[in-house]
Amino acid sequence: LDSLFDDAGFKEMSVIWRAMNLSSLWKATAPNVPTFCLYSIDMPTEEAYTYGTGKFPDSQPSVVYGQGDGTVNLESLERCREWKDGQSEAVQVKVFSGVGHMGLVRDARLIQTVVQIILELS
């Protein structure tokens, strides 16, 4: 993002951005409670935007698509996997395929999984 801020004429923002990224506030830590991480993949998801040199902000960017749920990229979706090594409580991950971000809450497979989790915890 440094070059984006520079191209837009916001050089001070580059300094702020770097400081924020180095801050521990932006690093998600394990919640230290039993965790169920349910998400979907295999949907094209906007991952990056590129502008030609000197084209920002007066042109439309090229969109780079990656893996995700159509809204959230795979790297963010998988963040909870890192918690397995960061806490003693269980972290269970179940990945669904081909369902968009909002569609997952209505997906029969997800509903069945949530019901199963509740019954096992009862």
N, C-alpha and C. Protein backbone atom coordinates (compact mmCIF):
# COMPACT_ATOMS: atom_id res chain seq x y z
N LEU A 1 0.81 -1.21 0.00
CA LEU A 1 0.00 0.00 0.00
C LEU A 1 0.85 1.27 0.00
N ASP A 2 2.12 1.13 0.32
CA ASP A 2 2.97 2.32 0.33
C ASP A 2 2.93 3.04 -1.01
N SER A 3 3.05 2.28 -2.11
CA SER A 3 3.05 2.93 -3.42
C SER A 3 1.68 3.53 -3.74
N LEU A 4 0.61 2.91 -3.26
CA LEU A 4 -0.73 3.47 -3.47
C LEU A 4 -0.83 4.84 -2.81
N PHE A 5 -0.41 4.93 -1.56
CA PHE A 5 -0.47 6.21 -0.87
C PHE A 5 0.45 7.23 -1.51
N ASP A 6 1.62 6.80 -1.93
CA ASP A 6 2.55 7.72 -2.61
C ASP A 6 1.94 8.23 -3.91
N ASP A 7 1.38 7.33 -4.73
CA ASP A 7 0.78 7.74 -6.00
C ASP A 7 -0.40 8.68 -5.80
N ALA A 8 -1.12 8.49 -4.69
CA ALA A 8 -2.28 9.35 -4.40
C ALA A 8 -1.86 10.67 -3.75
N GLY A 9 -0.57 10.81 -3.44
CA GLY A 9 -0.10 12.04 -2.82
C GLY A 9 -0.24 12.06 -1.31
N PHE A 10 -0.41 10.89 -0.69
CA PHE A 10 -0.58 10.80 0.76
C PHE A 10 0.64 10.12 1.39
N LYS A 11 1.78 10.74 1.28
CA LYS A 11 3.02 10.13 1.77
C LYS A 11 2.98 9.88 3.28
N GLU A 12 2.30 10.75 4.03
CA GLU A 12 2.21 10.57 5.49
C GLU A 12 1.44 9.29 5.83
N MET A 13 0.50 8.94 4.97
CA MET A 13 -0.31 7.74 5.22
C MET A 13 0.54 6.49 5.16
N SER A 14 1.60 6.49 4.34
CA SER A 14 2.50 5.34 4.29
C SER A 14 3.13 5.07 5.65
N VAL A 15 3.51 6.14 6.34
CA VAL A 15 4.11 6.01 7.67
C VAL A 15 3.09 5.45 8.65
N ILE A 16 1.88 5.96 8.59
CA ILE A 16 0.81 5.49 9.48
C ILE A 16 0.51 4.01 9.20
N TRP A 17 0.41 3.66 7.90
CA TRP A 17 0.11 2.28 7.52
C TRP A 17 1.16 1.31 8.04
N ARG A 18 2.42 1.66 7.87
CA ARG A 18 3.50 0.79 8.35
C ARG A 18 3.43 0.63 9.86
N ALA A 19 3.15 1.71 10.58
CA ALA A 19 3.07 1.65 12.04
C ALA A 19 1.90 0.76 12.48
N MET A 20 0.78 0.86 11.78
CA MET A 20 -0.38 0.03 12.13
C MET A 20 -0.09 -1.44 11.88
N ASN A 21 0.58 -1.77 10.80
CA ASN A 21 0.88 -3.16 10.49
C ASN A 21 1.88 -3.77 11.46
N LEU A 22 2.71 -2.96 12.06
CA LEU A 22 3.66 -3.47 13.04
C LEU A 22 3.04 -3.60 14.42
N SER A 23 1.89 -2.99 14.61
CA SER A 23 1.22 -2.99 15.90
C SER A 23 0.61 -4.35 16.20
N SER A 24 0.66 -4.76 17.45
CA SER A 24 0.06 -6.03 17.87
C SER A 24 -1.47 -5.97 17.82
N LEU A 25 -2.05 -4.77 17.71
CA LEU A 25 -3.50 -4.65 17.62
C LEU A 25 -4.05 -5.35 16.39
N TRP A 26 -3.26 -5.47 15.33
CA TRP A 26 -3.73 -6.05 14.08
C TRP A 26 -3.47 -7.54 14.01
N LYS A 27 -2.86 -8.12 15.02
CA LYS A 27 -2.55 -9.54 15.00
C LYS A 27 -3.56 -10.29 15.86
N ALA A 28 -4.38 -11.10 15.21
CA ALA A 28 -5.38 -11.86 15.95
C ALA A 28 -4.69 -12.97 16.74
N THR A 29 -4.98 -13.04 18.00
CA THR A 29 -4.41 -14.08 18.84
C THR A 29 -5.49 -15.12 19.15
N ALA A 30 -5.04 -16.28 19.56
CA ALA A 30 -5.97 -17.35 19.90
C ALA A 30 -6.93 -16.88 20.98
N PRO A 31 -8.22 -17.22 20.86
CA PRO A 31 -9.21 -16.75 21.84
C PRO A 31 -9.18 -17.53 23.16
N ASN A 32 -8.47 -18.66 23.20
CA ASN A 32 -8.37 -19.48 24.41
C ASN A 32 -9.71 -20.01 24.90
N VAL A 33 -10.56 -20.33 23.96
CA VAL A 33 -11.83 -21.01 24.23
C VAL A 33 -12.02 -22.06 23.13
N PRO A 34 -12.79 -23.11 23.37
CA PRO A 34 -13.05 -24.06 22.28
C PRO A 34 -13.62 -23.30 21.08
N THR A 35 -13.09 -23.59 19.91
CA THR A 35 -13.43 -22.80 18.73
C THR A 35 -13.84 -23.71 17.56
N PHE A 36 -14.91 -23.34 16.90
CA PHE A 36 -15.38 -24.02 15.70
C PHE A 36 -15.28 -23.02 14.56
N CYS A 37 -14.47 -23.34 13.59
CA CYS A 37 -14.21 -22.45 12.46
C CYS A 37 -14.85 -23.08 11.22
N LEU A 38 -15.90 -22.47 10.73
CA LEU A 38 -16.66 -23.00 9.60
C LEU A 38 -16.65 -21.96 8.49
N TYR A 39 -16.17 -22.36 7.31
CA TYR A 39 -16.14 -21.41 6.21
C TYR A 39 -16.17 -22.15 4.87
N SER A 40 -16.39 -21.40 3.81
CA SER A 40 -16.47 -21.96 2.47
C SER A 40 -15.34 -21.43 1.60
N ILE A 41 -14.95 -22.23 0.61
CA ILE A 41 -13.93 -21.83 -0.35
C ILE A 41 -14.41 -22.16 -1.77
N ASP A 42 -13.51 -22.02 -2.72
CA ASP A 42 -13.77 -22.34 -4.13
C ASP A 42 -14.71 -21.35 -4.81
N MET A 43 -14.67 -20.11 -4.35
CA MET A 43 -15.41 -19.04 -5.01
C MET A 43 -14.40 -17.95 -5.39
N PRO A 44 -14.44 -17.47 -6.63
CA PRO A 44 -13.52 -16.40 -7.01
C PRO A 44 -13.72 -15.20 -6.08
N THR A 45 -12.62 -14.73 -5.51
CA THR A 45 -12.68 -13.66 -4.52
C THR A 45 -11.67 -12.57 -4.87
N GLU A 46 -12.13 -11.34 -4.89
CA GLU A 46 -11.22 -10.23 -5.17
C GLU A 46 -10.12 -10.22 -4.13
N GLU A 47 -8.88 -10.20 -4.62
CA GLU A 47 -7.74 -10.32 -3.71
C GLU A 47 -6.81 -9.12 -3.79
N ALA A 48 -6.72 -8.52 -4.97
CA ALA A 48 -5.83 -7.38 -5.13
C ALA A 48 -6.30 -6.53 -6.29
N TYR A 49 -5.85 -5.29 -6.29
CA TYR A 49 -6.16 -4.35 -7.35
C TYR A 49 -4.85 -3.74 -7.82
N THR A 50 -4.68 -3.69 -9.13
CA THR A 50 -3.45 -3.10 -9.65
C THR A 50 -3.78 -1.94 -10.58
N TYR A 51 -2.98 -0.91 -10.46
CA TYR A 51 -3.09 0.26 -11.32
C TYR A 51 -1.79 0.38 -12.09
N GLY A 52 -1.86 0.82 -13.31
CA GLY A 52 -0.64 1.11 -14.04
C GLY A 52 0.08 2.27 -13.39
N THR A 53 1.38 2.34 -13.58
CA THR A 53 2.18 3.41 -13.00
C THR A 53 1.61 4.77 -13.40
N GLY A 54 1.36 5.59 -12.41
CA GLY A 54 0.84 6.93 -12.66
C GLY A 54 -0.63 6.97 -13.03
N LYS A 55 -1.33 5.87 -12.98
CA LYS A 55 -2.75 5.81 -13.38
C LYS A 55 -3.71 6.06 -12.22
N PHE A 56 -3.24 5.89 -10.99
CA PHE A 56 -4.11 6.08 -9.83
C PHE A 56 -4.22 7.56 -9.52
N PRO A 57 -5.34 8.11 -9.22
CA PRO A 57 -6.66 7.50 -9.05
C PRO A 57 -7.58 7.68 -10.25
N ASP A 58 -7.03 8.04 -11.40
CA ASP A 58 -7.87 8.42 -12.53
C ASP A 58 -8.24 7.28 -13.47
N SER A 59 -8.00 6.04 -13.09
CA SER A 59 -8.39 4.91 -13.93
C SER A 59 -8.93 3.78 -13.06
N GLN A 60 -9.59 2.87 -13.69
CA GLN A 60 -10.09 1.69 -12.97
C GLN A 60 -8.96 0.68 -12.81
N PRO A 61 -8.90 0.03 -11.67
CA PRO A 61 -7.83 -0.96 -11.46
C PRO A 61 -8.15 -2.28 -12.17
N SER A 62 -7.12 -3.06 -12.37
CA SER A 62 -7.30 -4.45 -12.78
C SER A 62 -7.53 -5.24 -11.50
N VAL A 63 -8.49 -6.15 -11.55
CA VAL A 63 -8.81 -6.95 -10.36
C VAL A 63 -8.10 -8.29 -10.47
N VAL A 64 -7.42 -8.67 -9.40
CA VAL A 64 -6.77 -9.97 -9.33
C VAL A 64 -7.64 -10.83 -8.42
N TYR A 65 -8.09 -11.96 -8.95
CA TYR A 65 -8.94 -12.86 -8.17
C TYR A 65 -8.11 -13.98 -7.57
N GLY A 66 -8.53 -14.42 -6.40
CA GLY A 66 -7.89 -15.52 -5.73
C GLY A 66 -8.94 -16.43 -5.13
N GLN A 67 -8.51 -17.29 -4.25
CA GLN A 67 -9.36 -18.27 -3.59
C GLN A 67 -10.05 -17.61 -2.40
N GLY A 68 -11.29 -18.02 -2.13
CA GLY A 68 -12.02 -17.51 -0.97
C GLY A 68 -13.47 -17.91 -1.04
N ASP A 69 -14.32 -17.12 -0.37
CA ASP A 69 -15.76 -17.42 -0.37
C ASP A 69 -16.56 -16.40 -1.17
N GLY A 70 -15.87 -15.64 -2.00
CA GLY A 70 -16.53 -14.62 -2.80
C GLY A 70 -16.51 -13.25 -2.14
N THR A 71 -16.26 -13.21 -0.84
CA THR A 71 -16.17 -11.96 -0.09
C THR A 71 -14.86 -11.90 0.68
N VAL A 72 -14.54 -12.96 1.40
CA VAL A 72 -13.34 -13.01 2.25
C VAL A 72 -12.31 -13.91 1.58
N ASN A 73 -11.05 -13.45 1.53
CA ASN A 73 -10.02 -14.25 0.87
C ASN A 73 -9.57 -15.43 1.75
N LEU A 74 -8.94 -16.40 1.12
CA LEU A 74 -8.55 -17.63 1.79
C LEU A 74 -7.61 -17.38 2.97
N GLU A 75 -6.68 -16.48 2.82
CA GLU A 75 -5.73 -16.20 3.91
C GLU A 75 -6.46 -15.78 5.18
N SER A 76 -7.47 -14.94 5.03
CA SER A 76 -8.24 -14.50 6.20
C SER A 76 -9.12 -15.62 6.74
N LEU A 77 -9.73 -16.38 5.84
CA LEU A 77 -10.59 -17.48 6.28
C LEU A 77 -9.81 -18.52 7.10
N GLU A 78 -8.56 -18.75 6.71
CA GLU A 78 -7.77 -19.78 7.37
C GLU A 78 -7.05 -19.30 8.62
N ARG A 79 -7.22 -18.07 8.98
CA ARG A 79 -6.50 -17.52 10.13
C ARG A 79 -6.75 -18.33 11.40
N CYS A 80 -7.93 -18.84 11.57
CA CYS A 80 -8.25 -19.60 12.79
C CYS A 80 -7.44 -20.89 12.90
N ARG A 81 -6.93 -21.42 11.80
CA ARG A 81 -6.09 -22.63 11.86
C ARG A 81 -4.83 -22.39 12.70
N GLU A 82 -4.34 -21.16 12.67
CA GLU A 82 -3.14 -20.83 13.44
C GLU A 82 -3.36 -20.95 14.94
N TRP A 83 -4.60 -20.88 15.36
CA TRP A 83 -4.90 -20.94 16.79
C TRP A 83 -4.68 -22.33 17.35
N LYS A 84 -4.66 -23.35 16.52
CA LYS A 84 -4.47 -24.72 17.01
C LYS A 84 -3.19 -24.84 17.82
N ASP A 85 -2.17 -24.14 17.42
CA ASP A 85 -0.89 -24.19 18.13
C ASP A 85 -0.79 -23.14 19.23
N GLY A 86 -1.75 -22.24 19.29
CA GLY A 86 -1.67 -21.13 20.24
C GLY A 86 -2.56 -21.26 21.45
N GLN A 87 -3.28 -22.36 21.57
CA GLN A 87 -4.15 -22.54 22.74
C GLN A 87 -4.31 -24.01 23.04
N SER A 88 -4.64 -24.31 24.29
CA SER A 88 -4.83 -25.71 24.68
C SER A 88 -6.25 -26.19 24.35
N GLU A 89 -7.21 -25.27 24.23
CA GLU A 89 -8.58 -25.65 23.89
C GLU A 89 -8.65 -26.08 22.42
N ALA A 90 -9.62 -26.92 22.12
CA ALA A 90 -9.77 -27.46 20.76
C ALA A 90 -10.13 -26.38 19.75
N VAL A 91 -9.57 -26.51 18.57
CA VAL A 91 -9.95 -25.69 17.42
C VAL A 91 -10.33 -26.67 16.32
N GLN A 92 -11.62 -26.67 15.99
CA GLN A 92 -12.11 -27.57 14.95
C GLN A 92 -12.43 -26.75 13.71
N VAL A 93 -11.94 -27.21 12.57
CA VAL A 93 -12.12 -26.50 11.31
C VAL A 93 -12.90 -27.40 10.35
N LYS A 94 -13.94 -26.83 9.75
CA LYS A 94 -14.69 -27.54 8.72
C LYS A 94 -14.83 -26.59 7.54
N VAL A 95 -14.40 -27.08 6.39
CA VAL A 95 -14.42 -26.26 5.18
C VAL A 95 -15.48 -26.79 4.22
N PHE A 96 -16.30 -25.89 3.73
CA PHE A 96 -17.33 -26.22 2.74
C PHE A 96 -16.83 -25.72 1.39
N SER A 97 -17.42 -26.19 0.33
CA SER A 97 -16.95 -25.82 -0.99
C SER A 97 -18.07 -25.26 -1.86
N GLY A 98 -17.74 -24.19 -2.58
CA GLY A 98 -18.65 -23.68 -3.60
C GLY A 98 -19.87 -22.92 -3.11
N VAL A 99 -19.83 -22.41 -1.91
CA VAL A 99 -20.94 -21.63 -1.37
C VAL A 99 -20.43 -20.25 -1.05
N GLY A 100 -21.14 -19.23 -1.50
CA GLY A 100 -20.72 -17.86 -1.24
C GLY A 100 -20.84 -17.48 0.22
N HIS A 101 -20.21 -16.38 0.57
CA HIS A 101 -20.14 -15.88 1.94
C HIS A 101 -21.51 -15.82 2.62
N MET A 102 -22.46 -15.16 2.01
CA MET A 102 -23.80 -15.03 2.62
C MET A 102 -24.63 -16.29 2.44
N GLY A 103 -24.38 -17.05 1.39
CA GLY A 103 -25.13 -18.27 1.15
C GLY A 103 -24.83 -19.36 2.15
N LEU A 104 -23.67 -19.29 2.78
CA LEU A 104 -23.28 -20.34 3.72
C LEU A 104 -24.24 -20.45 4.90
N VAL A 105 -24.77 -19.33 5.36
CA VAL A 105 -25.67 -19.38 6.53
C VAL A 105 -26.99 -20.09 6.23
N ARG A 106 -27.30 -20.26 4.93
CA ARG A 106 -28.52 -20.98 4.55
C ARG A 106 -28.22 -22.37 4.00
N ASP A 107 -26.95 -22.74 3.96
CA ASP A 107 -26.55 -24.02 3.38
C ASP A 107 -26.91 -25.17 4.32
N ALA A 108 -27.56 -26.18 3.78
CA ALA A 108 -28.02 -27.32 4.60
C ALA A 108 -26.85 -28.02 5.29
N ARG A 109 -25.69 -28.09 4.61
CA ARG A 109 -24.53 -28.75 5.22
C ARG A 109 -24.04 -28.00 6.44
N LEU A 110 -24.02 -26.67 6.35
CA LEU A 110 -23.59 -25.87 7.50
C LEU A 110 -24.59 -26.02 8.65
N ILE A 111 -25.87 -25.94 8.34
CA ILE A 111 -26.90 -26.05 9.38
C ILE A 111 -26.80 -27.41 10.07
N GLN A 112 -26.60 -28.46 9.29
CA GLN A 112 -26.44 -29.80 9.87
C GLN A 112 -25.21 -29.86 10.77
N THR A 113 -24.12 -29.24 10.34
CA THR A 113 -22.90 -29.21 11.15
C THR A 113 -23.12 -28.47 12.46
N VAL A 114 -23.78 -27.33 12.41
CA VAL A 114 -24.04 -26.55 13.62
C VAL A 114 -24.94 -27.33 14.58
N VAL A 115 -25.97 -27.97 14.06
CA VAL A 115 -26.85 -28.79 14.90
C VAL A 115 -26.05 -29.91 15.55
N GLN A 116 -25.19 -30.56 14.78
CA GLN A 116 -24.36 -31.64 15.32
C GLN A 116 -23.44 -31.14 16.43
N ILE A 117 -22.84 -29.99 16.24
CA ILE A 117 -21.97 -29.41 17.27
C ILE A 117 -22.77 -29.15 18.54
N ILE A 118 -23.94 -28.58 18.40
CA ILE A 118 -24.79 -28.27 19.57
C ILE A 118 -25.18 -29.53 20.30
N LEU A 119 -25.57 -30.55 19.54
CA LEU A 119 -25.97 -31.82 20.18
C LEU A 119 -24.79 -32.47 20.91
N GLU A 120 -23.59 -32.39 20.32
CA GLU A 120 -22.43 -32.98 20.97
C GLU A 120 -22.03 -32.22 22.24
N LEU A 121 -22.32 -30.94 22.27
CA LEU A 121 -21.97 -30.13 23.44
C LEU A 121 -23.03 -30.22 24.53
N SER A 122 -24.21 -30.72 24.19
CA SER A 122 -25.31 -30.79 25.16
C SER A 122 -25.12 -31.92 26.14
